[in-house]
Amino acid sequence: MELVPLRKEFAAVMAASGPNDAEVDRLTGTHATFTLADYEAYIERTLNDPDRYTRAITEDGKFLGEVVLTVNPHNRSAGLRIAMWDGYGKGYGTMAIRHVLDHAFTALGLHRVELEVYAFNERAIHVYRKLGFREEGRLRDALLWDGVFHDAIVMSILSTDNI
């Protein structure tokens, strides 16, 4: 597994219909559909945003997903987001998050990294806890999916946590 800067060539994989698209949408709470041009524009914006640290998760050059820190330098904090298109269950997401946490706390000097995860995403919650994230609260009925409301769990990790 390698983490590389997001590249425009990955947009085609992101936009392609595949067996995991419905699952990726559910896990990320994405109701919108995106075109190749949308993904290309997203990658361009991301690469030019000084307050974003984005890495593509790859294996042998194949795009598997992305991990993103959206940095608030004034508060020395960041929001973390990860989306996997492929490669579930192999530890790639865990390794990617470890990398961005190290980058956040060491290279960027941040103090806090936070995220939201839907309560039904037990696999992700397990990974986040294993990495040292702590639950801070719950956003009740934050996502309406297939006619059912789901809570979002707010989690964070601090540079001073024993990780």
C-alpha atoms as a PDB file:
ATOM      1  CA  MET A   1       0.000   0.000   0.000  1.00  0.00           C
ATOM      2  CA  GLU A   2       1.201   3.461  -0.875  1.00  0.00           C
ATOM      3  CA  LEU A   3      -0.123   6.915  -0.115  1.00  0.00           C
ATOM      4  CA  VAL A   4       0.459   9.326  -2.972  1.00  0.00           C
ATOM      5  CA  PRO A   5      -0.829  12.787  -3.821  1.00  0.00           C
ATOM      6  CA  LEU A   6      -4.226  12.653  -5.465  1.00  0.00           C
ATOM      7  CA  ARG A   7      -3.858  12.743  -9.251  1.00  0.00           C
ATOM      8  CA  LYS A   8      -6.282  13.660 -11.994  1.00  0.00           C
ATOM      9  CA  GLU A   9      -5.952  10.173 -13.490  1.00  0.00           C
ATOM     10  CA  PHE A  10      -7.714   8.763 -10.410  1.00  0.00           C
ATOM     11  CA  ALA A  11     -10.903  10.662 -11.298  1.00  0.00           C
ATOM     12  CA  ALA A  12     -11.920   7.970 -13.796  1.00  0.00           C
ATOM     13  CA  VAL A  13     -11.813   5.288 -11.079  1.00  0.00           C
ATOM     14  CA  MET A  14     -13.736   7.516  -8.688  1.00  0.00           C
ATOM     15  CA  ALA A  15     -16.441   8.131 -11.283  1.00  0.00           C
ATOM     16  CA  ALA A  16     -16.684   4.571 -12.620  1.00  0.00           C
ATOM     17  CA  SER A  17     -19.694   2.532 -11.633  1.00  0.00           C
ATOM     18  CA  GLY A  18     -18.611  -0.490  -9.679  1.00  0.00           C
ATOM     19  CA  PRO A  19     -19.850  -3.025  -7.169  1.00  0.00           C
ATOM     20  CA  ASN A  20     -18.916  -0.870  -4.172  1.00  0.00           C
ATOM     21  CA  ASP A  21     -20.451   2.449  -5.256  1.00  0.00           C
ATOM     22  CA  ALA A  22     -23.735   1.946  -3.382  1.00  0.00           C
ATOM     23  CA  GLU A  23     -21.830   0.903  -0.263  1.00  0.00           C
ATOM     24  CA  VAL A  24     -19.418   3.853  -0.525  1.00  0.00           C
ATOM     25  CA  ASP A  25     -22.394   6.200  -0.884  1.00  0.00           C
ATOM     26  CA  ARG A  26     -24.123   4.703   2.166  1.00  0.00           C
ATOM     27  CA  LEU A  27     -21.014   4.786   4.356  1.00  0.00           C
ATOM     28  CA  THR A  28     -20.271   8.389   3.417  1.00  0.00           C
ATOM     29  CA  GLY A  29     -23.896   9.518   3.380  1.00  0.00           C
ATOM     30  CA  THR A  30     -23.583  10.694  -0.212  1.00  0.00           C
ATOM     31  CA  HIS A  31     -26.930  11.226  -1.939  1.00  0.00           C
ATOM     32  CA  ALA A  32     -25.512  13.086  -4.933  1.00  0.00           C
ATOM     33  CA  THR A  33     -24.127  11.561  -8.088  1.00  0.00           C
ATOM     34  CA  PHE A  34     -20.905  12.861  -9.582  1.00  0.00           C
ATOM     35  CA  THR A  35     -19.587  12.896 -13.133  1.00  0.00           C
ATOM     36  CA  LEU A  36     -16.030  12.466 -14.288  1.00  0.00           C
ATOM     37  CA  ALA A  37     -15.842  16.256 -14.690  1.00  0.00           C
ATOM     38  CA  ASP A  38     -17.022  16.677 -11.068  1.00  0.00           C
ATOM     39  CA  TYR A  39     -14.257  14.406  -9.798  1.00  0.00           C
ATOM     40  CA  GLU A  40     -11.645  16.113 -11.976  1.00  0.00           C
ATOM     41  CA  ALA A  41     -12.718  19.504 -10.628  1.00  0.00           C
ATOM     42  CA  TYR A  42     -12.660  18.154  -7.052  1.00  0.00           C
ATOM     43  CA  ILE A  43      -9.107  16.873  -7.512  1.00  0.00           C
ATOM     44  CA  GLU A  44      -8.007  20.208  -8.984  1.00  0.00           C
ATOM     45  CA  ARG A  45      -9.556  22.120  -6.050  1.00  0.00           C
ATOM     46  CA  THR A  46      -8.005  19.761  -3.534  1.00  0.00           C
ATOM     47  CA  LEU A  47      -4.531  20.023  -5.004  1.00  0.00           C
ATOM     48  CA  ASN A  48      -4.697  23.824  -4.936  1.00  0.00           C
ATOM     49  CA  ASP A  49      -6.092  24.172  -1.398  1.00  0.00           C
ATOM     50  CA  PRO A  50      -3.321  24.969   1.102  1.00  0.00           C
ATOM     51  CA  ASP A  51      -5.569  23.899   3.984  1.00  0.00           C
ATOM     52  CA  ARG A  52      -6.077  20.353   2.666  1.00  0.00           C
ATOM     53  CA  TYR A  53      -3.804  17.379   2.931  1.00  0.00           C
ATOM     54  CA  THR A  54      -5.133  14.687   0.609  1.00  0.00           C
ATOM     55  CA  ARG A  55      -3.570  11.337  -0.179  1.00  0.00           C
ATOM     56  CA  ALA A  56      -4.729   8.647  -2.557  1.00  0.00           C
ATOM     57  CA  ILE A  57      -4.574   5.146  -1.130  1.00  0.00           C
ATOM     58  CA  THR A  58      -3.074   2.907  -3.794  1.00  0.00           C
ATOM     59  CA  GLU A  59      -1.740  -0.587  -4.270  1.00  0.00           C
ATOM     60  CA  ASP A  60       0.550  -1.288  -7.221  1.00  0.00           C
ATOM     61  CA  GLY A  61      -0.574   2.034  -8.699  1.00  0.00           C
ATOM     62  CA  LYS A  62      -4.273   1.144  -8.475  1.00  0.00           C
ATOM     63  CA  PHE A  63      -6.488   3.747  -6.779  1.00  0.00           C
ATOM     64  CA  LEU A  64      -8.301   2.266  -3.764  1.00  0.00           C
ATOM     65  CA  GLY A  65      -9.500   5.349  -1.902  1.00  0.00           C
ATOM     66  CA  GLU A  66      -8.541   8.666  -0.382  1.00  0.00           C
ATOM     67  CA  VAL A  67      -7.841  10.118   3.020  1.00  0.00           C
ATOM     68  CA  VAL A  68      -8.212  13.864   3.626  1.00  0.00           C
ATOM     69  CA  LEU A  69      -7.348  16.325   6.352  1.00  0.00           C
ATOM     70  CA  THR A  70      -9.141  19.674   6.155  1.00  0.00           C
ATOM     71  CA  VAL A  71      -6.966  21.918   8.301  1.00  0.00           C
ATOM     72  CA  ASN A  72      -8.019  24.864  10.432  1.00  0.00           C
ATOM     73  CA  PRO A  73      -4.616  26.412  11.184  1.00  0.00           C
ATOM     74  CA  HIS A  74      -6.060  29.028  13.557  1.00  0.00           C
ATOM     75  CA  ASN A  75      -7.331  26.342  15.940  1.00  0.00           C
ATOM     76  CA  ARG A  76      -4.536  23.844  15.171  1.00  0.00           C
ATOM     77  CA  SER A  77      -7.226  21.327  14.264  1.00  0.00           C
ATOM     78  CA  ALA A  78      -8.427  19.342  11.285  1.00  0.00           C
ATOM     79  CA  GLY A  79     -11.354  17.284  10.122  1.00  0.00           C
ATOM     80  CA  LEU A  80     -10.536  13.819   8.825  1.00  0.00           C
ATOM     81  CA  ARG A  81     -12.354  12.016   6.045  1.00  0.00           C
ATOM     82  CA  ILE A  82     -11.617   8.684   4.427  1.00  0.00           C
ATOM     83  CA  ALA A  83     -13.387   6.867   1.608  1.00  0.00           C
ATOM     84  CA  MET A  84     -12.434   3.476   0.259  1.00  0.00           C
ATOM     85  CA  TRP A  85     -13.577   2.427  -3.208  1.00  0.00           C
ATOM     86  CA  ASP A  86     -11.787  -0.917  -3.023  1.00  0.00           C
ATOM     87  CA  GLY A  87      -9.463  -2.913  -0.756  1.00  0.00           C
ATOM     88  CA  TYR A  88     -11.754  -3.313   2.252  1.00  0.00           C
ATOM     89  CA  GLY A  89     -10.567  -5.452   5.141  1.00  0.00           C
ATOM     90  CA  LYS A  90      -6.852  -5.332   4.324  1.00  0.00           C
ATOM     91  CA  GLY A  91      -5.817  -2.656   6.829  1.00  0.00           C
ATOM     92  CA  TYR A  92      -5.222   0.010   4.175  1.00  0.00           C
ATOM     93  CA  GLY A  93      -7.583   2.485   5.808  1.00  0.00           C
ATOM     94  CA  THR A  94      -5.947   1.986   9.196  1.00  0.00           C
ATOM     95  CA  MET A  95      -2.477   2.557   7.728  1.00  0.00           C
ATOM     96  CA  ALA A  96      -3.669   5.627   5.822  1.00  0.00           C
ATOM     97  CA  ILE A  97      -5.210   7.183   8.920  1.00  0.00           C
ATOM     98  CA  ARG A  98      -2.057   6.466  10.952  1.00  0.00           C
ATOM     99  CA  HIS A  99      -0.081   8.313   8.288  1.00  0.00           C
ATOM    100  CA  VAL A 100      -2.307  11.394   8.261  1.00  0.00           C
ATOM    101  CA  LEU A 101      -2.398  11.506  12.076  1.00  0.00           C
ATOM    102  CA  ASP A 102       1.391  11.436  12.164  1.00  0.00           C
ATOM    103  CA  HIS A 103       1.455  14.165   9.512  1.00  0.00           C
ATOM    104  CA  ALA A 104      -1.145  16.213  11.403  1.00  0.00           C
ATOM    105  CA  PHE A 105       0.577  16.063  14.775  1.00  0.00           C
ATOM    106  CA  THR A 106       4.229  16.019  13.668  1.00  0.00           C
ATOM    107  CA  ALA A 107       4.571  17.902  10.377  1.00  0.00           C
ATOM    108  CA  LEU A 108       1.639  20.308  10.778  1.00  0.00           C
ATOM    109  CA  GLY A 109       1.815  20.741  14.554  1.00  0.00           C
ATOM    110  CA  LEU A 110      -1.928  20.265  14.971  1.00  0.00           C
ATOM    111  CA  HIS A 111      -3.512  19.549  18.346  1.00  0.00           C
ATOM    112  CA  ARG A 112      -6.872  18.031  17.367  1.00  0.00           C
ATOM    113  CA  VAL A 113      -8.246  15.829  14.585  1.00  0.00           C
ATOM    114  CA  GLU A 114     -11.975  15.134  14.472  1.00  0.00           C
ATOM    115  CA  LEU A 115     -14.368  13.128  12.367  1.00  0.00           C
ATOM    116  CA  GLU A 116     -17.978  12.055  12.069  1.00  0.00           C
ATOM    117  CA  VAL A 117     -19.005   8.480  11.384  1.00  0.00           C
ATOM    118  CA  TYR A 118     -22.487   7.042  10.996  1.00  0.00           C
ATOM    119  CA  ALA A 119     -23.511   4.789  13.867  1.00  0.00           C
ATOM    120  CA  PHE A 120     -24.161   1.831  11.539  1.00  0.00           C
ATOM    121  CA  ASN A 121     -20.535   1.854  10.322  1.00  0.00           C
ATOM    122  CA  GLU A 122     -19.247  -0.460  13.046  1.00  0.00           C
ATOM    123  CA  ARG A 123     -16.129  -1.432  11.075  1.00  0.00           C
ATOM    124  CA  ALA A 124     -14.969   2.197  10.871  1.00  0.00           C
ATOM    125  CA  ILE A 125     -15.853   2.928  14.507  1.00  0.00           C
ATOM    126  CA  HIS A 126     -13.731  -0.061  15.554  1.00  0.00           C
ATOM    127  CA  VAL A 127     -10.771   1.232  13.514  1.00  0.00           C
ATOM    128  CA  TYR A 128     -11.097   4.773  14.855  1.00  0.00           C
ATOM    129  CA  ARG A 129     -11.194   3.540  18.463  1.00  0.00           C
ATOM    130  CA  LYS A 130      -8.204   1.274  17.827  1.00  0.00           C
ATOM    131  CA  LEU A 131      -6.289   4.310  16.541  1.00  0.00           C
ATOM    132  CA  GLY A 132      -7.083   6.314  19.682  1.00  0.00           C
ATOM    133  CA  PHE A 133     -10.148   8.344  18.687  1.00  0.00           C
ATOM    134  CA  ARG A 134     -12.653   8.963  21.457  1.00  0.00           C
ATOM    135  CA  GLU A 135     -16.364   9.469  21.106  1.00  0.00           C
ATOM    136  CA  GLU A 136     -17.398  13.021  21.984  1.00  0.00           C
ATOM    137  CA  GLY A 137     -21.054  12.965  21.169  1.00  0.00           C
ATOM    138  CA  ARG A 138     -23.806  12.013  18.835  1.00  0.00           C
ATOM    139  CA  LEU A 139     -25.716  13.947  16.207  1.00  0.00           C
ATOM    140  CA  ARG A 140     -29.149  12.405  16.419  1.00  0.00           C
ATOM    141  CA  ASP A 141     -30.901  11.478  13.166  1.00  0.00           C
ATOM    142  CA  ALA A 142     -28.181  13.199  11.122  1.00  0.00           C
ATOM    143  CA  LEU A 143     -28.593  11.018   8.032  1.00  0.00           C
ATOM    144  CA  LEU A 144     -31.766   9.937   6.273  1.00  0.00           C
ATOM    145  CA  TRP A 145     -30.971   6.837   4.219  1.00  0.00           C
ATOM    146  CA  ASP A 146     -33.584   4.706   2.502  1.00  0.00           C
ATOM    147  CA  GLY A 147     -36.296   6.181   4.688  1.00  0.00           C
ATOM    148  CA  VAL A 148     -34.483   5.520   7.980  1.00  0.00           C
ATOM    149  CA  PHE A 149     -32.713   8.093  10.150  1.00  0.00           C
ATOM    150  CA  HIS A 150     -29.237   7.311  11.489  1.00  0.00           C
ATOM    151  CA  ASP A 151     -27.089   9.027  14.108  1.00  0.00           C
ATOM    152  CA  ALA A 152     -23.621  10.392  13.388  1.00  0.00           C
ATOM    153  CA  ILE A 153     -20.974   9.870  16.041  1.00  0.00           C
ATOM    154  CA  VAL A 154     -18.471  12.673  16.600  1.00  0.00           C
ATOM    155  CA  MET A 155     -14.992  11.425  17.502  1.00  0.00           C
ATOM    156  CA  SER A 156     -11.636  13.112  18.022  1.00  0.00           C
ATOM    157  CA  ILE A 157      -8.045  12.485  18.915  1.00  0.00           C
ATOM    158  CA  LEU A 158      -5.676  15.023  20.470  1.00  0.00           C
ATOM    159  CA  SER A 159      -1.923  15.321  20.126  1.00  0.00           C
ATOM    160  CA  THR A 160      -1.734  14.822  23.884  1.00  0.00           C
ATOM    161  CA  ASP A 161      -3.671  11.543  23.862  1.00  0.00           C
ATOM    162  CA  ASN A 162      -1.576   8.471  24.491  1.00  0.00           C
ATOM    163  CA  ILE A 163      -1.697   6.853  21.077  1.00  0.00           C
END
